[in-house]
Protein backbone atom coordinates (compact mmCIF):
# COMPACT_ATOMS: atom_id res chain seq x y z
CA MET A 1 -202.75 79.58 -66.26
CA ILE A 2 -201.28 83.26 -66.47
CA VAL A 3 -204.26 84.71 -67.45
CA VAL A 4 -206.03 83.57 -64.80
CA VAL A 5 -203.78 84.90 -61.93
CA ALA A 6 -203.81 88.36 -63.77
CA ALA A 7 -207.22 88.16 -63.18
CA VAL A 8 -207.28 87.05 -59.83
CA ALA A 9 -204.99 90.16 -59.25
CA ILE A 10 -206.88 92.70 -61.11
CA TRP A 11 -210.08 91.88 -58.79
CA ARG A 12 -208.07 92.42 -55.39
CA LEU A 13 -206.66 95.49 -56.54
CA TYR A 14 -209.22 97.47 -58.15
CA LEU A 15 -212.47 95.14 -58.60
CA ARG A 16 -212.83 93.71 -55.15
CA PRO A 17 -215.61 96.19 -52.66
CA SER A 18 -214.01 97.47 -50.14
CA THR A 19 -215.10 96.92 -46.59
CA PRO A 20 -215.87 99.88 -44.25
CA PRO A 21 -212.48 100.60 -42.28
CA VAL A 22 -213.32 99.18 -38.45
CA GLU A 23 -213.96 101.82 -36.28
CA VAL A 24 -211.97 101.51 -32.78
CA ALA A 25 -212.02 103.16 -29.79
CA SER A 26 -208.75 104.98 -28.57
CA LYS A 27 -207.79 105.08 -25.09
CA GLU A 28 -207.21 108.49 -25.29
CA LYS A 29 -210.47 109.54 -25.73
CA MET A 30 -212.01 107.46 -22.86
CA ALA A 31 -213.76 109.01 -20.47
CA PHE A 32 -212.43 107.01 -17.65
CA PRO A 33 -208.91 105.48 -17.97
CA LEU A 34 -209.12 101.53 -18.56
CA PRO A 35 -209.06 99.60 -15.45
CA ASP A 36 -206.08 96.63 -14.87
CA VAL A 37 -208.44 93.70 -14.97
CA PRO A 38 -210.97 93.26 -18.13
CA SER A 39 -213.64 95.73 -18.27
CA ILE A 40 -217.31 95.03 -19.55
CA ALA A 41 -220.48 97.11 -20.56
CA VAL A 42 -223.74 94.72 -21.67
CA LEU A 43 -225.55 96.75 -23.84
CA PRO A 44 -229.61 96.66 -23.79
CA PHE A 45 -230.77 93.68 -25.62
CA VAL A 46 -232.69 94.61 -28.52
CA ASN A 47 -236.18 93.63 -29.45
CA MET A 48 -236.10 91.91 -33.01
CA SER A 49 -240.13 90.75 -32.60
CA GLY A 50 -241.70 94.14 -33.40
CA ASP A 51 -244.16 93.30 -30.40
CA PRO A 52 -243.59 96.05 -27.50
CA LYS A 53 -245.01 93.36 -25.04
CA GLN A 54 -241.62 91.60 -25.52
CA GLU A 55 -239.70 94.06 -24.15
CA PHE A 56 -239.60 93.20 -20.64
CA LEU A 57 -238.04 89.60 -21.85
CA CYS A 58 -235.18 92.30 -23.53
CA ASP A 59 -234.89 93.89 -20.40
CA GLY A 60 -234.73 90.67 -18.14
CA MET A 61 -232.08 88.76 -20.21
CA THR A 62 -229.98 92.21 -19.99
CA GLU A 63 -230.08 92.52 -16.21
CA ASP A 64 -229.83 88.60 -15.60
CA ILE A 65 -226.38 89.04 -17.48
CA ILE A 66 -225.10 91.84 -15.96
CA THR A 67 -225.98 90.40 -12.56
CA ALA A 68 -224.06 87.05 -13.31
CA LEU A 69 -221.28 89.19 -14.89
CA THR A 70 -220.86 91.19 -11.52
CA LYS A 71 -220.15 88.07 -9.71
CA VAL A 72 -217.08 87.30 -11.73
CA PRO A 73 -213.86 88.01 -10.12
CA GLN A 74 -211.47 90.32 -11.54
CA LEU A 75 -214.07 91.54 -13.86
CA LEU A 76 -215.43 95.44 -14.38
CA VAL A 77 -219.11 95.53 -14.90
CA ILE A 78 -220.93 98.56 -15.80
CA ALA A 79 -223.69 99.26 -14.22
CA ARG A 80 -227.28 98.73 -15.63
CA ASN A 81 -228.31 102.19 -14.93
CA SER A 82 -225.48 103.62 -17.20
CA THR A 83 -226.00 100.96 -19.83
CA PHE A 84 -229.42 101.24 -20.05
CA THR A 85 -229.14 105.14 -21.15
CA TYR A 86 -228.67 103.23 -24.31
CA LYS A 87 -231.49 101.71 -24.96
CA GLY A 88 -233.58 102.37 -28.16
CA LYS A 89 -230.47 104.00 -29.36
CA THR A 90 -228.36 102.79 -32.51
CA VAL A 91 -224.94 103.33 -31.04
CA LYS A 92 -221.50 102.27 -32.22
CA VAL A 93 -219.26 100.18 -30.01
CA LYS A 94 -216.46 102.58 -30.49
CA GLN A 95 -218.92 105.40 -28.60
CA VAL A 96 -219.98 102.86 -25.55
CA SER A 97 -216.31 102.28 -25.07
CA GLU A 98 -215.28 105.54 -24.75
CA GLU A 99 -217.98 106.76 -22.65
CA LEU A 100 -218.23 104.54 -20.40
CA GLY A 101 -214.14 103.65 -20.29
CA VAL A 102 -214.65 99.65 -21.24
CA ARG A 103 -212.96 97.64 -23.24
CA TYR A 104 -215.03 94.92 -24.07
CA VAL A 105 -218.97 95.44 -25.33
CA LEU A 106 -221.61 92.27 -25.08
CA GLU A 107 -224.48 93.11 -27.48
CA GLY A 108 -227.46 91.43 -28.38
CA SER A 109 -231.09 90.79 -29.83
CA VAL A 110 -233.77 88.50 -28.71
CA GLN A 111 -236.70 87.49 -31.32
CA ARG A 112 -239.73 85.39 -30.50
CA SER A 113 -241.90 83.94 -32.96
CA GLY A 114 -245.36 81.80 -31.33
CA ASP A 115 -243.48 79.51 -28.87
CA ARG A 116 -239.95 79.52 -30.18
CA ILE A 117 -237.31 82.17 -29.01
CA ARG A 118 -234.05 83.04 -30.52
CA ILE A 119 -231.09 84.86 -28.58
CA ASN A 120 -228.28 86.27 -30.46
CA ALA A 121 -225.01 87.45 -28.30
CA GLN A 122 -221.78 89.08 -29.34
CA LEU A 123 -218.78 89.86 -27.33
CA ILE A 124 -216.73 92.65 -29.01
CA ASP A 125 -213.31 94.54 -28.24
CA ALA A 126 -213.42 98.04 -28.70
CA LEU A 127 -209.78 98.75 -29.11
CA THR A 128 -209.63 96.47 -32.15
CA GLY A 129 -213.18 96.54 -33.24
CA ARG A 130 -213.50 92.52 -33.94
CA HIS A 131 -216.10 90.38 -32.39
CA ILE A 132 -214.06 87.76 -30.22
CA TRP A 133 -217.19 85.65 -29.47
CA ALA A 134 -220.68 85.21 -30.70
CA GLU A 135 -223.43 82.83 -30.27
CA ARG A 136 -227.15 82.17 -30.92
CA TYR A 137 -229.26 80.26 -28.87
CA ASP A 138 -233.02 78.71 -30.38
CA ARG A 139 -235.08 77.50 -27.71
CA ASP A 140 -238.97 76.34 -26.74
CA LEU A 141 -240.20 79.33 -24.37
CA LYS A 142 -242.14 77.30 -22.05
CA ASP A 143 -240.78 79.07 -18.63
CA ILE A 144 -239.13 82.14 -19.53
CA PHE A 145 -236.86 82.49 -16.31
CA ALA A 146 -235.57 78.92 -16.74
CA LEU A 147 -234.70 80.03 -20.56
CA GLN A 148 -233.11 83.62 -19.18
CA ASP A 149 -230.98 81.29 -16.70
CA GLU A 150 -230.05 78.87 -18.90
CA ILE A 151 -229.00 81.33 -21.57
CA THR A 152 -227.51 83.65 -18.60
CA ILE A 153 -225.18 80.77 -17.56
CA LYS A 154 -223.91 79.74 -21.17
CA ILE A 155 -223.25 83.62 -22.05
CA LEU A 156 -221.12 83.60 -18.67
CA THR A 157 -219.60 80.43 -19.38
CA GLY A 158 -218.35 81.72 -22.98
CA LEU A 159 -217.40 85.04 -21.80
CA ARG A 160 -215.07 83.98 -19.07
CA VAL A 161 -213.32 81.63 -21.30
CA LYS A 162 -212.71 84.55 -24.14
CA LEU A 163 -211.68 86.78 -21.46
CA GLY A 164 -208.87 84.51 -20.39
CA GLN A 165 -210.46 83.41 -17.59
CA GLY A 166 -211.15 79.57 -18.60
CA ALA A 167 -209.22 78.04 -15.22
CA GLU A 168 -212.66 78.93 -13.20
CA VAL A 169 -215.03 78.36 -16.01
CA LEU A 170 -216.26 74.77 -14.50
CA ARG A 171 -216.60 75.90 -11.00
CA ALA A 172 -218.55 78.98 -12.36
CA GLN A 173 -220.44 76.91 -14.14
CA GLU A 174 -221.60 74.32 -11.55
CA HIS A 175 -222.01 77.36 -9.06
CA GLY A 176 -224.16 79.09 -11.73
CA LYS A 177 -226.35 75.52 -12.06
CA LYS A 178 -226.50 75.11 -8.51
CA TYR A 179 -227.74 79.36 -8.12
CA PHE A 180 -230.27 79.02 -10.29
CA LYS A 181 -231.63 75.61 -10.55
CA GLY A 182 -235.18 75.16 -8.51
CA LYS A 183 -234.81 78.62 -6.95
CA PRO A 184 -237.76 81.17 -7.05
CA ARG A 185 -236.35 84.82 -8.31
CA ALA A 186 -237.31 86.16 -5.17
CA ARG A 187 -235.68 83.55 -2.71
CA LEU A 188 -232.52 84.14 -4.80
CA LEU A 189 -232.40 88.16 -3.95
CA PHE A 190 -232.91 87.11 -0.28
CA GLU A 191 -229.98 84.27 -0.34
CA GLU A 192 -227.59 87.27 -2.19
CA ASN A 193 -228.01 89.55 0.33
CA GLY A 194 -227.79 86.80 3.26
CA SER A 195 -231.26 86.98 4.47
CA ASP A 196 -233.89 84.00 4.96
């Protein structure tokens, strides 16, 4: 028994592989002061399919999530034009947080194989360097717009719960279902702008 305890202690102190330190964002190095409300940047989703033609799917998913998040009260969302400057670049969450002045960064990837699609998304708190939420979605690719809408609603709901807005989640989810269900994209844009 003593030998086992000693072996575990030696392994923990000397032999265990060391994990790299987590790089966290510094409030002092941020280009803009953190707002009093939660702030988030949605990075362009990465195309993991190896097919450049799938970029539209990644960009559409990213834009849908940004648009949906802008409708959340008390949440500052960085504009698409700012986050898309990182498209195709390898960046650290710390860098994005400090350059854009946000606490949370959402990143993800899209992978397509035949008629199947896999979407991964993860929310990271840049001040702690920790993942506070992550999810994977596997779906059949039948109607790309319906798929984007479904995934966007799920991500929006998950984010709102994790960002401390759980009381509004059910209302937001119901609103999201009504907002997206059965409406062509062009009509949605007109309704958002108050036109018919």
